[in-house]
Amino acid sequence: MDKVYSNRRPRVSEVSGWTRIFHHGNVDVYEADNYYDYYKVTPKDGRSKLFFGESAWMETQRFAVDNSDFSAYNIFS
């Protein structure tokens, strides 16, 4: 399935799957398989957080760094 842009935040049930793009100790970062700019960050001790839209890229990185260490800055390099 090709990725599409959405003008509203997709429901989690509308995501065909999640691809893990980063993993380090306390945090996993996933990207939606069928939507652009939709990410999920799952900290080891906590609840998953979803990010969508223009600023999702930066917010995902910031949340990952806050819940891990500075190696998460390498996610999007």
N, C-alpha and C. Protein backbone atom coordinates (compact mmCIF):
# COMPACT_ATOMS: atom_id res chain seq x y z
N MET A 1 0.83 -1.18 0.00
CA MET A 1 0.00 0.00 0.00
C MET A 1 0.88 1.24 0.00
N ASP A 2 0.54 2.20 -0.81
CA ASP A 2 1.29 3.45 -0.89
C ASP A 2 0.91 4.37 0.26
N LYS A 3 1.86 5.23 0.61
CA LYS A 3 1.59 6.22 1.64
C LYS A 3 0.77 7.35 1.07
N VAL A 4 -0.08 7.93 1.91
CA VAL A 4 -0.90 9.06 1.50
C VAL A 4 -0.77 10.17 2.54
N TYR A 5 -1.05 11.39 2.11
CA TYR A 5 -1.12 12.52 3.03
C TYR A 5 -2.54 12.62 3.53
N SER A 6 -2.70 13.01 4.77
CA SER A 6 -4.03 13.15 5.35
C SER A 6 -4.18 14.56 5.90
N ASN A 7 -5.36 15.13 5.74
CA ASN A 7 -5.59 16.48 6.27
C ASN A 7 -6.16 16.44 7.69
N ARG A 8 -6.32 15.25 8.22
CA ARG A 8 -6.76 15.08 9.61
C ARG A 8 -5.94 13.95 10.22
N ARG A 9 -5.90 13.93 11.53
CA ARG A 9 -5.14 12.87 12.21
C ARG A 9 -5.85 11.53 12.02
N PRO A 10 -5.19 10.56 11.42
CA PRO A 10 -5.81 9.24 11.22
C PRO A 10 -6.01 8.52 12.55
N ARG A 11 -7.01 7.70 12.60
CA ARG A 11 -7.21 6.84 13.76
C ARG A 11 -6.15 5.74 13.73
N VAL A 12 -5.80 5.24 14.89
CA VAL A 12 -4.81 4.16 14.96
C VAL A 12 -5.30 2.95 14.18
N SER A 13 -6.61 2.70 14.22
CA SER A 13 -7.17 1.55 13.51
C SER A 13 -7.08 1.70 11.99
N GLU A 14 -6.85 2.91 11.50
CA GLU A 14 -6.71 3.14 10.06
C GLU A 14 -5.29 2.90 9.55
N VAL A 15 -4.36 2.70 10.46
CA VAL A 15 -2.97 2.44 10.08
C VAL A 15 -2.83 0.96 9.74
N SER A 16 -2.26 0.68 8.58
CA SER A 16 -2.12 -0.71 8.14
C SER A 16 -1.02 -1.44 8.91
N GLY A 17 -0.06 -0.69 9.43
CA GLY A 17 1.02 -1.29 10.20
C GLY A 17 2.02 -0.22 10.60
N TRP A 18 2.91 -0.59 11.49
CA TRP A 18 3.94 0.33 11.97
C TRP A 18 5.31 -0.29 11.71
N THR A 19 6.22 0.51 11.16
CA THR A 19 7.59 0.06 10.92
C THR A 19 8.51 0.73 11.94
N ARG A 20 9.26 -0.08 12.67
CA ARG A 20 10.17 0.47 13.66
C ARG A 20 11.36 1.11 12.95
N ILE A 21 11.59 2.39 13.23
CA ILE A 21 12.69 3.11 12.58
C ILE A 21 13.81 3.43 13.55
N PHE A 22 13.57 3.24 14.85
CA PHE A 22 14.61 3.49 15.84
C PHE A 22 14.32 2.68 17.09
N HIS A 23 15.38 2.14 17.68
CA HIS A 23 15.25 1.43 18.95
C HIS A 23 16.52 1.65 19.73
N HIS A 24 16.35 2.07 20.98
CA HIS A 24 17.51 2.22 21.85
C HIS A 24 17.05 2.10 23.29
N GLY A 25 17.45 1.06 23.93
CA GLY A 25 17.18 0.87 25.36
C GLY A 25 15.76 1.10 25.81
N ASN A 26 15.43 2.34 26.09
CA ASN A 26 14.15 2.66 26.71
C ASN A 26 13.07 3.11 25.75
N VAL A 27 13.35 3.19 24.47
CA VAL A 27 12.36 3.78 23.57
C VAL A 27 12.40 3.11 22.19
N ASP A 28 11.21 2.97 21.61
CA ASP A 28 11.05 2.50 20.23
C ASP A 28 10.29 3.58 19.46
N VAL A 29 10.72 3.85 18.24
CA VAL A 29 10.04 4.83 17.39
C VAL A 29 9.54 4.11 16.14
N TYR A 30 8.26 4.30 15.82
CA TYR A 30 7.63 3.65 14.68
C TYR A 30 7.07 4.70 13.73
N GLU A 31 7.02 4.34 12.45
CA GLU A 31 6.43 5.18 11.42
C GLU A 31 5.26 4.42 10.79
N ALA A 32 4.15 5.11 10.56
CA ALA A 32 2.98 4.47 9.95
C ALA A 32 3.32 4.04 8.53
N ASP A 33 2.86 2.84 8.16
CA ASP A 33 3.15 2.30 6.84
C ASP A 33 2.36 2.99 5.72
N ASN A 34 1.18 3.52 6.03
CA ASN A 34 0.33 4.04 4.97
C ASN A 34 0.02 5.54 5.08
N TYR A 35 0.65 6.24 6.01
CA TYR A 35 0.46 7.70 6.13
C TYR A 35 1.82 8.39 6.29
N TYR A 36 1.96 9.51 5.63
CA TYR A 36 3.14 10.35 5.83
C TYR A 36 2.96 11.12 7.13
N ASP A 37 4.07 11.45 7.78
CA ASP A 37 4.08 12.32 8.96
C ASP A 37 3.22 11.79 10.10
N TYR A 38 3.27 10.48 10.33
CA TYR A 38 2.53 9.89 11.45
C TYR A 38 3.48 8.93 12.16
N TYR A 39 3.78 9.23 13.41
CA TYR A 39 4.78 8.47 14.17
C TYR A 39 4.21 8.05 15.53
N LYS A 40 4.79 6.97 16.04
CA LYS A 40 4.43 6.48 17.37
C LYS A 40 5.72 6.24 18.14
N VAL A 41 5.77 6.77 19.36
CA VAL A 41 6.92 6.55 20.23
C VAL A 41 6.45 5.76 21.43
N THR A 42 7.13 4.64 21.69
CA THR A 42 6.76 3.77 22.80
C THR A 42 7.92 3.69 23.79
N PRO A 43 7.79 4.41 24.92
CA PRO A 43 8.82 4.29 25.94
C PRO A 43 8.67 2.97 26.70
N LYS A 44 9.77 2.46 27.22
CA LYS A 44 9.73 1.18 27.94
C LYS A 44 8.78 1.25 29.13
N ASP A 45 8.87 2.33 29.88
CA ASP A 45 8.02 2.50 31.06
C ASP A 45 7.02 3.60 30.81
N GLY A 46 5.97 3.29 30.11
CA GLY A 46 4.98 4.33 29.85
C GLY A 46 4.07 3.99 28.69
N ARG A 47 3.25 4.94 28.38
CA ARG A 47 2.26 4.80 27.34
C ARG A 47 2.77 5.33 26.00
N SER A 48 2.35 4.71 24.93
CA SER A 48 2.75 5.18 23.60
C SER A 48 2.17 6.57 23.35
N LYS A 49 2.91 7.35 22.58
CA LYS A 49 2.45 8.67 22.22
C LYS A 49 2.52 8.80 20.70
N LEU A 50 1.47 9.37 20.11
CA LEU A 50 1.38 9.52 18.66
C LEU A 50 1.64 10.96 18.25
N PHE A 51 2.30 11.13 17.11
CA PHE A 51 2.59 12.45 16.58
C PHE A 51 2.18 12.49 15.12
N PHE A 52 1.48 13.56 14.73
CA PHE A 52 1.00 13.67 13.36
C PHE A 52 1.10 15.12 12.90
N GLY A 53 1.43 15.30 11.64
CA GLY A 53 1.42 16.63 11.03
C GLY A 53 2.80 17.17 10.73
N GLU A 54 2.82 18.47 10.42
CA GLU A 54 4.05 19.12 10.00
C GLU A 54 5.15 19.05 11.05
N SER A 55 4.80 19.19 12.30
CA SER A 55 5.82 19.22 13.35
C SER A 55 6.06 17.84 13.98
N ALA A 56 5.42 16.82 13.46
CA ALA A 56 5.53 15.47 14.04
C ALA A 56 6.97 14.98 14.08
N TRP A 57 7.71 15.27 13.03
CA TRP A 57 9.10 14.83 12.92
C TRP A 57 9.92 15.33 14.10
N MET A 58 9.83 16.63 14.37
CA MET A 58 10.60 17.25 15.45
C MET A 58 10.08 16.81 16.82
N GLU A 59 8.77 16.74 17.00
CA GLU A 59 8.18 16.34 18.28
C GLU A 59 8.51 14.89 18.63
N THR A 60 8.54 14.04 17.62
CA THR A 60 8.91 12.64 17.83
C THR A 60 10.33 12.53 18.35
N GLN A 61 11.23 13.25 17.70
CA GLN A 61 12.63 13.22 18.11
C GLN A 61 12.78 13.76 19.53
N ARG A 62 12.12 14.85 19.84
CA ARG A 62 12.23 15.45 21.17
C ARG A 62 11.70 14.49 22.25
N PHE A 63 10.57 13.86 22.00
CA PHE A 63 10.00 12.92 22.96
C PHE A 63 10.91 11.71 23.15
N ALA A 64 11.50 11.23 22.06
CA ALA A 64 12.41 10.09 22.15
C ALA A 64 13.65 10.44 22.96
N VAL A 65 14.20 11.62 22.76
CA VAL A 65 15.37 12.04 23.51
C VAL A 65 15.02 12.19 24.98
N ASP A 66 13.87 12.77 25.28
CA ASP A 66 13.45 12.95 26.67
C ASP A 66 13.28 11.62 27.40
N ASN A 67 12.94 10.57 26.66
CA ASN A 67 12.69 9.27 27.29
C ASN A 67 13.83 8.28 27.09
N SER A 68 14.92 8.73 26.49
CA SER A 68 16.06 7.86 26.24
C SER A 68 17.33 8.64 26.59
N ASP A 69 18.22 8.70 25.66
CA ASP A 69 19.41 9.52 25.84
C ASP A 69 19.67 10.26 24.53
N PHE A 70 20.77 10.95 24.45
CA PHE A 70 21.01 11.78 23.28
C PHE A 70 21.26 11.01 22.00
N SER A 71 21.36 9.70 22.06
CA SER A 71 21.52 8.91 20.83
C SER A 71 20.28 9.01 19.96
N ALA A 72 19.15 9.38 20.54
CA ALA A 72 17.91 9.52 19.76
C ALA A 72 17.99 10.69 18.78
N TYR A 73 18.96 11.59 18.94
CA TYR A 73 19.13 12.67 17.96
C TYR A 73 19.51 12.11 16.60
N ASN A 74 20.01 10.89 16.56
CA ASN A 74 20.43 10.27 15.30
C ASN A 74 19.28 9.63 14.53
N ILE A 75 18.07 9.69 15.05
CA ILE A 75 16.93 9.06 14.39
C ILE A 75 16.78 9.57 12.97
N PHE A 76 16.81 10.87 12.81
CA PHE A 76 16.46 11.48 11.53
C PHE A 76 17.65 12.04 10.79
N SER A 77 18.83 11.56 11.09
CA SER A 77 20.01 12.11 10.40
C SER A 77 20.20 11.47 9.03
